[in-house]
Amino acid sequence: MKTALIFGATGFIGSHLLQDLLNSPDYSRVIAVVRKPLALNHPKLTVLIGDLASLPALKPQLVADEIFIALGTTRKHTPDEAEYYKIDHDYPLRAAEIAKANGARSVFLVTAVGANAGSGVFYVRTKGEVERDIRALNFDHTHIFRPSMILGERDEDRPRERLFIAIWSVLNPLLAGPADRYRGLTGNEIAHAIANATRHQTEKVRIYHWKEMAALLRT
C-alpha cells in the first residue's frame, strides 16, 4: 500500500480529500502538513505542523508515493499580491520539489479553470505558473484539476460567494459544449474525483476540467 502526502487538508476541497485518502484501502499512511493541529484522529494519519518557511526542516518526514496539493487563499484573506503568490505558487512548488526529491512518483494539483501562465490577470497567471513549474519537475504522473465554481456549504460566512453559488446553480445546466468546463462541482465531488484519479494513472500529464472530473465520479 502507498503513502500519501497532502497539503491544504483544512481547506474546502482538501478536508474532503483527506477523508477520502484515509478511507481508501490503497493507502497505509497519510501525512498531512497543516498550520494548526487537526481535530481528527485516525490510525493512518500523521499530522505535521508546518508552512512554507518550515518545509526544509520537515523534508526528512515528507516521504510519500504521491503528493496532493489543494493549497490556496483568497484576495479577501491575502490582499497583498506578493503574499498571495507565496501561498498559491511558491508553497505548492516547494512542497512538490521536496516530495519529488524524496521519491514521490505522482502529483495531484488543484488549480482553476482558465489557468494560463501568459495571462494578464494575476489570479489566472498565478495558477498557470504553478502548473507550469510543477509540470517541469517531471513527475512520472502529473494530474492537474481545474475546477470552475466550487459549490457547497462552507463553515465560513461568505455572503458574496453564496450569491455567486446560487447563480451558478441555475446556470450549470445551461453550460454545454465547450462551455461545460465552467460548470460547478461541490468540494466533495472534486475531492472524490481526485481520489478516483489515483486509480487511473497512465498518462504523463493529465488535465481535468468539469467533464473529466464528472467522468471520474462515475468510476
C-alpha atoms as a PDB file:
ATOM      1  CA  MET A   1       0.000   0.000   0.000  1.00  0.00           C
ATOM      2  CA  LYS A   2       1.007   3.588  -0.639  1.00  0.00           C
ATOM      3  CA  THR A   3       1.785   6.669   1.437  1.00  0.00           C
ATOM      4  CA  ALA A   4       0.011   9.913   0.566  1.00  0.00           C
ATOM      5  CA  LEU A   5       1.252  13.419   1.397  1.00  0.00           C
ATOM      6  CA  ILE A   6      -1.392  16.155   1.430  1.00  0.00           C
ATOM      7  CA  PHE A   7      -1.129  19.938   1.640  1.00  0.00           C
ATOM      8  CA  GLY A   8      -4.278  22.004   2.169  1.00  0.00           C
ATOM      9  CA  ALA A   9      -6.049  19.381   4.283  1.00  0.00           C
ATOM     10  CA  THR A  10      -8.038  22.012   6.203  1.00  0.00           C
ATOM     11  CA  GLY A  11      -9.444  23.658   3.060  1.00  0.00           C
ATOM     12  CA  PHE A  12     -12.830  23.112   1.449  1.00  0.00           C
ATOM     13  CA  ILE A  13     -11.571  20.562  -1.076  1.00  0.00           C
ATOM     14  CA  GLY A  14      -8.626  19.315   0.967  1.00  0.00           C
ATOM     15  CA  SER A  15     -10.685  18.373   4.018  1.00  0.00           C
ATOM     16  CA  HIS A  16     -12.873  16.095   1.892  1.00  0.00           C
ATOM     17  CA  LEU A  17      -9.822  14.721   0.094  1.00  0.00           C
ATOM     18  CA  LEU A  18      -8.138  13.890   3.399  1.00  0.00           C
ATOM     19  CA  GLN A  19     -11.134  11.782   4.389  1.00  0.00           C
ATOM     20  CA  ASP A  20     -11.144  10.015   1.022  1.00  0.00           C
ATOM     21  CA  LEU A  21      -7.458   9.146   1.336  1.00  0.00           C
ATOM     22  CA  LEU A  22      -7.883   7.897   4.895  1.00  0.00           C
ATOM     23  CA  ASN A  23     -10.849   5.755   3.836  1.00  0.00           C
ATOM     24  CA  SER A  24      -9.066   4.326   0.794  1.00  0.00           C
ATOM     25  CA  PRO A  25      -7.648   0.804   1.088  1.00  0.00           C
ATOM     26  CA  ASP A  26      -4.859   1.883  -1.285  1.00  0.00           C
ATOM     27  CA  TYR A  27      -3.053   3.893   1.420  1.00  0.00           C
ATOM     28  CA  SER A  28      -1.475   2.627   4.610  1.00  0.00           C
ATOM     29  CA  ARG A  29      -0.375   6.111   5.701  1.00  0.00           C
ATOM     30  CA  VAL A  30      -1.493   9.687   5.045  1.00  0.00           C
ATOM     31  CA  ILE A  31       0.766  12.600   6.000  1.00  0.00           C
ATOM     32  CA  ALA A  32      -0.969  15.975   6.324  1.00  0.00           C
ATOM     33  CA  VAL A  33       1.045  19.186   6.588  1.00  0.00           C
ATOM     34  CA  VAL A  34      -1.050  21.877   8.263  1.00  0.00           C
ATOM     35  CA  ARG A  35      -0.511  25.123  10.137  1.00  0.00           C
ATOM     36  CA  LYS A  36      -2.528  24.064  13.193  1.00  0.00           C
ATOM     37  CA  PRO A  37      -3.331  20.671  14.771  1.00  0.00           C
ATOM     38  CA  LEU A  38      -6.257  18.836  13.196  1.00  0.00           C
ATOM     39  CA  ALA A  39      -9.323  17.894  15.236  1.00  0.00           C
ATOM     40  CA  LEU A  40      -9.084  14.432  13.753  1.00  0.00           C
ATOM     41  CA  ASN A  41      -7.541  11.170  14.862  1.00  0.00           C
ATOM     42  CA  HIS A  42      -7.040   8.202  12.575  1.00  0.00           C
ATOM     43  CA  PRO A  43      -4.607   5.271  12.740  1.00  0.00           C
ATOM     44  CA  LYS A  44      -3.333   6.068   9.224  1.00  0.00           C
ATOM     45  CA  LEU A  45      -2.908   9.799   9.831  1.00  0.00           C
ATOM     46  CA  THR A  46       0.362  11.593  10.608  1.00  0.00           C
ATOM     47  CA  VAL A  47      -0.008  15.347  11.169  1.00  0.00           C
ATOM     48  CA  LEU A  48       2.981  17.649  10.691  1.00  0.00           C
ATOM     49  CA  ILE A  49       2.769  21.304  11.682  1.00  0.00           C
ATOM     50  CA  GLY A  50       4.430  23.493   9.086  1.00  0.00           C
ATOM     51  CA  ASP A  51       4.276  26.124   6.379  1.00  0.00           C
ATOM     52  CA  LEU A  52       6.421  27.365   3.501  1.00  0.00           C
ATOM     53  CA  ALA A  53       9.184  28.612   5.809  1.00  0.00           C
ATOM     54  CA  SER A  54       9.470  25.346   7.739  1.00  0.00           C
ATOM     55  CA  LEU A  55       9.338  22.936   4.781  1.00  0.00           C
ATOM     56  CA  PRO A  56      13.137  22.450   4.547  1.00  0.00           C
ATOM     57  CA  ALA A  57      13.249  21.314   8.187  1.00  0.00           C
ATOM     58  CA  LEU A  58      10.351  18.908   7.550  1.00  0.00           C
ATOM     59  CA  LYS A  59      11.943  17.417   4.429  1.00  0.00           C
ATOM     60  CA  PRO A  60      13.091  14.101   6.030  1.00  0.00           C
ATOM     61  CA  GLN A  61       9.475  13.407   7.031  1.00  0.00           C
ATOM     62  CA  LEU A  62       7.897  14.306   3.676  1.00  0.00           C
ATOM     63  CA  VAL A  63       8.410  10.892   2.116  1.00  0.00           C
ATOM     64  CA  ALA A  64       5.456   9.558   0.124  1.00  0.00           C
ATOM     65  CA  ASP A  65       4.482   7.813  -3.090  1.00  0.00           C
ATOM     66  CA  GLU A  66       2.040  10.550  -4.085  1.00  0.00           C
ATOM     67  CA  ILE A  67       1.588  14.215  -3.182  1.00  0.00           C
ATOM     68  CA  PHE A  68      -1.761  16.026  -3.172  1.00  0.00           C
ATOM     69  CA  ILE A  69      -1.778  19.829  -3.257  1.00  0.00           C
ATOM     70  CA  ALA A  70      -5.029  21.693  -2.561  1.00  0.00           C
ATOM     71  CA  LEU A  71      -3.473  24.905  -1.256  1.00  0.00           C
ATOM     72  CA  GLY A  72      -4.887  28.323  -1.962  1.00  0.00           C
ATOM     73  CA  THR A  73      -6.048  31.584  -0.485  1.00  0.00           C
ATOM     74  CA  THR A  74      -8.421  34.413  -1.410  1.00  0.00           C
ATOM     75  CA  ARG A  75      -7.816  38.087  -2.073  1.00  0.00           C
ATOM     76  CA  LYS A  76     -10.013  38.824   0.958  1.00  0.00           C
ATOM     77  CA  HIS A  77      -7.696  36.890   3.271  1.00  0.00           C
ATOM     78  CA  THR A  78      -4.478  37.798   1.443  1.00  0.00           C
ATOM     79  CA  PRO A  79      -4.846  41.171  -0.324  1.00  0.00           C
ATOM     80  CA  ASP A  80      -1.094  41.613  -0.814  1.00  0.00           C
ATOM     81  CA  GLU A  81      -0.121  40.106  -4.185  1.00  0.00           C
ATOM     82  CA  ALA A  82       3.360  39.074  -3.056  1.00  0.00           C
ATOM     83  CA  GLU A  83       1.974  37.112  -0.100  1.00  0.00           C
ATOM     84  CA  TYR A  84      -0.791  35.675  -2.270  1.00  0.00           C
ATOM     85  CA  TYR A  85       1.805  34.441  -4.761  1.00  0.00           C
ATOM     86  CA  LYS A  86       3.769  32.729  -1.991  1.00  0.00           C
ATOM     87  CA  ILE A  87       0.700  30.745  -0.934  1.00  0.00           C
ATOM     88  CA  ASP A  88      -0.650  29.913  -4.394  1.00  0.00           C
ATOM     89  CA  HIS A  89       2.659  29.392  -6.233  1.00  0.00           C
ATOM     90  CA  ASP A  90       5.757  29.196  -4.037  1.00  0.00           C
ATOM     91  CA  TYR A  91       4.344  26.909  -1.352  1.00  0.00           C
ATOM     92  CA  PRO A  92       2.875  24.295  -3.764  1.00  0.00           C
ATOM     93  CA  LEU A  93       6.039  24.327  -5.866  1.00  0.00           C
ATOM     94  CA  ARG A  94       8.381  23.908  -2.889  1.00  0.00           C
ATOM     95  CA  ALA A  95       6.226  21.093  -1.497  1.00  0.00           C
ATOM     96  CA  ALA A  96       6.289  19.321  -4.850  1.00  0.00           C
ATOM     97  CA  GLU A  97      10.064  19.783  -5.211  1.00  0.00           C
ATOM     98  CA  ILE A  98      10.692  18.187  -1.819  1.00  0.00           C
ATOM     99  CA  ALA A  99       8.284  15.316  -2.418  1.00  0.00           C
ATOM    100  CA  LYS A 100       9.859  14.615  -5.817  1.00  0.00           C
ATOM    101  CA  ALA A 101      13.365  14.654  -4.311  1.00  0.00           C
ATOM    102  CA  ASN A 102      12.132  12.184  -1.685  1.00  0.00           C
ATOM    103  CA  GLY A 103      10.853   9.757  -4.297  1.00  0.00           C
ATOM    104  CA  ALA A 104       7.222  10.693  -4.962  1.00  0.00           C
ATOM    105  CA  ARG A 105       6.117   9.500  -8.399  1.00  0.00           C
ATOM    106  CA  SER A 106       2.775  11.309  -8.774  1.00  0.00           C
ATOM    107  CA  VAL A 107       1.465  14.783  -8.029  1.00  0.00           C
ATOM    108  CA  PHE A 108      -2.193  15.818  -7.862  1.00  0.00           C
ATOM    109  CA  LEU A 109      -2.620  19.602  -8.061  1.00  0.00           C
ATOM    110  CA  VAL A 110      -5.773  21.718  -7.746  1.00  0.00           C
ATOM    111  CA  THR A 111      -5.654  24.995  -9.692  1.00  0.00           C
ATOM    112  CA  ALA A 112      -8.546  26.686 -11.527  1.00  0.00           C
ATOM    113  CA  VAL A 113     -10.320  26.795 -14.860  1.00  0.00           C
ATOM    114  CA  GLY A 114      -8.571  29.098 -17.319  1.00  0.00           C
ATOM    115  CA  ALA A 115      -5.137  28.766 -15.680  1.00  0.00           C
ATOM    116  CA  ASN A 116      -2.668  30.416 -18.066  1.00  0.00           C
ATOM    117  CA  ALA A 117       0.909  31.466 -17.313  1.00  0.00           C
ATOM    118  CA  GLY A 118       0.700  34.050 -20.110  1.00  0.00           C
ATOM    119  CA  SER A 119      -2.437  35.780 -18.844  1.00  0.00           C
ATOM    120  CA  GLY A 120      -2.531  39.424 -17.831  1.00  0.00           C
ATOM    121  CA  VAL A 121      -4.910  38.534 -14.976  1.00  0.00           C
ATOM    122  CA  PHE A 122      -2.963  37.948 -11.760  1.00  0.00           C
ATOM    123  CA  TYR A 123      -5.099  35.070 -10.429  1.00  0.00           C
ATOM    124  CA  VAL A 124      -5.195  33.178 -13.713  1.00  0.00           C
ATOM    125  CA  ARG A 125      -1.488  33.792 -14.335  1.00  0.00           C
ATOM    126  CA  THR A 126      -0.515  32.574 -10.863  1.00  0.00           C
ATOM    127  CA  LYS A 127      -2.449  29.329 -11.344  1.00  0.00           C
ATOM    128  CA  GLY A 128      -0.864  28.886 -14.762  1.00  0.00           C
ATOM    129  CA  GLU A 129       2.635  29.484 -13.439  1.00  0.00           C
ATOM    130  CA  VAL A 130       2.304  26.944 -10.630  1.00  0.00           C
ATOM    131  CA  GLU A 131       1.032  24.395 -13.176  1.00  0.00           C
ATOM    132  CA  ARG A 132       3.955  25.148 -15.486  1.00  0.00           C
ATOM    133  CA  ASP A 133       6.584  24.932 -12.768  1.00  0.00           C
ATOM    134  CA  ILE A 134       5.256  21.736 -11.190  1.00  0.00           C
ATOM    135  CA  ARG A 135       4.997  20.086 -14.611  1.00  0.00           C
ATOM    136  CA  ALA A 136       8.666  20.979 -15.127  1.00  0.00           C
ATOM    137  CA  LEU A 137       9.585  18.816 -12.112  1.00  0.00           C
ATOM    138  CA  ASN A 138       8.936  15.803 -14.350  1.00  0.00           C
ATOM    139  CA  PHE A 139       6.950  13.534 -12.051  1.00  0.00           C
ATOM    140  CA  ASP A 140       6.058  10.171 -13.541  1.00  0.00           C
ATOM    141  CA  HIS A 141       2.431  11.325 -13.435  1.00  0.00           C
ATOM    142  CA  THR A 142       1.146  14.891 -13.093  1.00  0.00           C
ATOM    143  CA  HIS A 143      -2.594  15.357 -12.557  1.00  0.00           C
ATOM    144  CA  ILE A 144      -3.963  18.905 -12.735  1.00  0.00           C
ATOM    145  CA  PHE A 145      -7.539  19.636 -11.665  1.00  0.00           C
ATOM    146  CA  ARG A 146      -9.102  22.874 -12.904  1.00  0.00           C
ATOM    147  CA  PRO A 147     -12.464  23.406 -11.202  1.00  0.00           C
ATOM    148  CA  SER A 148     -14.654  26.389 -12.006  1.00  0.00           C
ATOM    149  CA  MET A 149     -17.183  27.468  -9.363  1.00  0.00           C
ATOM    150  CA  ILE A 150     -16.791  25.320  -6.245  1.00  0.00           C
ATOM    151  CA  LEU A 151     -20.268  24.656  -4.897  1.00  0.00           C
ATOM    152  CA  GLY A 152     -21.393  23.553  -1.450  1.00  0.00           C
ATOM    153  CA  GLU A 153     -21.838  24.931   2.049  1.00  0.00           C
ATOM    154  CA  ARG A 154     -18.783  26.338   3.801  1.00  0.00           C
ATOM    155  CA  ASP A 155     -18.292  26.885   7.508  1.00  0.00           C
ATOM    156  CA  GLU A 156     -17.105  30.424   6.890  1.00  0.00           C
ATOM    157  CA  ASP A 157     -19.720  33.088   6.194  1.00  0.00           C
ATOM    158  CA  ARG A 158     -19.171  34.432   2.671  1.00  0.00           C
ATOM    159  CA  PRO A 159     -22.345  36.296   1.565  1.00  0.00           C
ATOM    160  CA  ARG A 160     -20.994  37.323  -1.848  1.00  0.00           C
ATOM    161  CA  GLU A 161     -19.767  33.814  -2.570  1.00  0.00           C
ATOM    162  CA  ARG A 162     -23.140  32.347  -1.555  1.00  0.00           C
ATOM    163  CA  LEU A 163     -24.787  34.648  -4.097  1.00  0.00           C
ATOM    164  CA  PHE A 164     -22.430  33.508  -6.875  1.00  0.00           C
ATOM    165  CA  ILE A 165     -23.017  29.878  -5.957  1.00  0.00           C
ATOM    166  CA  ALA A 166     -26.784  30.377  -6.119  1.00  0.00           C
ATOM    167  CA  ILE A 167     -26.460  31.975  -9.567  1.00  0.00           C
ATOM    168  CA  TRP A 168     -24.103  29.235 -10.757  1.00  0.00           C
ATOM    169  CA  SER A 169     -26.511  26.535  -9.644  1.00  0.00           C
ATOM    170  CA  VAL A 170     -29.071  27.986 -12.047  1.00  0.00           C
ATOM    171  CA  LEU A 171     -26.537  28.427 -14.876  1.00  0.00           C
ATOM    172  CA  ASN A 172     -24.952  24.989 -14.502  1.00  0.00           C
ATOM    173  CA  PRO A 173     -27.390  23.042 -16.730  1.00  0.00           C
ATOM    174  CA  LEU A 174     -27.062  25.701 -19.454  1.00  0.00           C
ATOM    175  CA  LEU A 175     -23.296  25.371 -19.768  1.00  0.00           C
ATOM    176  CA  ALA A 176     -22.837  22.856 -22.569  1.00  0.00           C
ATOM    177  CA  GLY A 177     -20.292  22.039 -25.268  1.00  0.00           C
ATOM    178  CA  PRO A 178     -17.015  23.948 -24.900  1.00  0.00           C
ATOM    179  CA  ALA A 179     -18.555  25.953 -22.065  1.00  0.00           C
ATOM    180  CA  ASP A 180     -19.091  22.870 -19.906  1.00  0.00           C
ATOM    181  CA  ARG A 181     -15.664  23.364 -18.321  1.00  0.00           C
ATOM    182  CA  TYR A 182     -17.239  26.272 -16.421  1.00  0.00           C
ATOM    183  CA  ARG A 183     -19.839  24.057 -14.755  1.00  0.00           C
ATOM    184  CA  GLY A 184     -19.561  23.901 -10.995  1.00  0.00           C
ATOM    185  CA  LEU A 185     -18.865  20.943  -8.739  1.00  0.00           C
ATOM    186  CA  THR A 186     -19.038  20.661  -4.968  1.00  0.00           C
ATOM    187  CA  GLY A 187     -15.840  20.492  -2.961  1.00  0.00           C
ATOM    188  CA  ASN A 188     -16.747  16.936  -2.036  1.00  0.00           C
ATOM    189  CA  GLU A 189     -17.202  15.954  -5.691  1.00  0.00           C
ATOM    190  CA  ILE A 190     -13.843  17.445  -6.671  1.00  0.00           C
ATOM    191  CA  ALA A 191     -12.169  15.550  -3.829  1.00  0.00           C
ATOM    192  CA  HIS A 192     -13.820  12.285  -4.914  1.00  0.00           C
ATOM    193  CA  ALA A 193     -12.658  12.866  -8.490  1.00  0.00           C
ATOM    194  CA  ILE A 194      -9.075  13.364  -7.327  1.00  0.00           C
ATOM    195  CA  ALA A 195      -9.195  10.240  -5.175  1.00  0.00           C
ATOM    196  CA  ASN A 196     -10.607   8.217  -8.075  1.00  0.00           C
ATOM    197  CA  ALA A 197      -7.915   9.544 -10.411  1.00  0.00           C
ATOM    198  CA  THR A 198      -5.288   7.793  -8.304  1.00  0.00           C
ATOM    199  CA  ARG A 199      -6.532   4.503  -9.748  1.00  0.00           C
ATOM    200  CA  HIS A 200      -6.169   5.682 -13.358  1.00  0.00           C
ATOM    201  CA  GLN A 201      -2.549   6.707 -13.833  1.00  0.00           C
ATOM    202  CA  THR A 202      -1.370   6.004 -17.351  1.00  0.00           C
ATOM    203  CA  GLU A 203      -0.588   9.415 -18.849  1.00  0.00           C
ATOM    204  CA  LYS A 204       2.431  11.560 -18.096  1.00  0.00           C
ATOM    205  CA  VAL A 205       0.322  14.711 -17.722  1.00  0.00           C
ATOM    206  CA  ARG A 206      -3.464  14.831 -17.421  1.00  0.00           C
ATOM    207  CA  ILE A 207      -5.617  17.946 -17.074  1.00  0.00           C
ATOM    208  CA  TYR A 208      -9.137  17.619 -15.700  1.00  0.00           C
ATOM    209  CA  HIS A 209     -11.949  20.078 -16.314  1.00  0.00           C
ATOM    210  CA  TRP A 210     -15.606  19.545 -15.366  1.00  0.00           C
ATOM    211  CA  LYS A 211     -16.232  16.811 -17.943  1.00  0.00           C
ATOM    212  CA  GLU A 212     -13.205  14.743 -16.916  1.00  0.00           C
ATOM    213  CA  MET A 213     -13.927  15.159 -13.204  1.00  0.00           C
ATOM    214  CA  ALA A 214     -17.577  14.249 -13.704  1.00  0.00           C
ATOM    215  CA  ALA A 215     -16.468  11.105 -15.563  1.00  0.00           C
ATOM    216  CA  LEU A 216     -14.218  10.145 -12.645  1.00  0.00           C
ATOM    217  CA  LEU A 217     -17.183  10.368 -10.294  1.00  0.00           C
ATOM    218  CA  ARG A 218     -18.777   7.529 -12.236  1.00  0.00           C
ATOM    219  CA  THR A 219     -15.776   5.193 -11.916  1.00  0.00           C
END
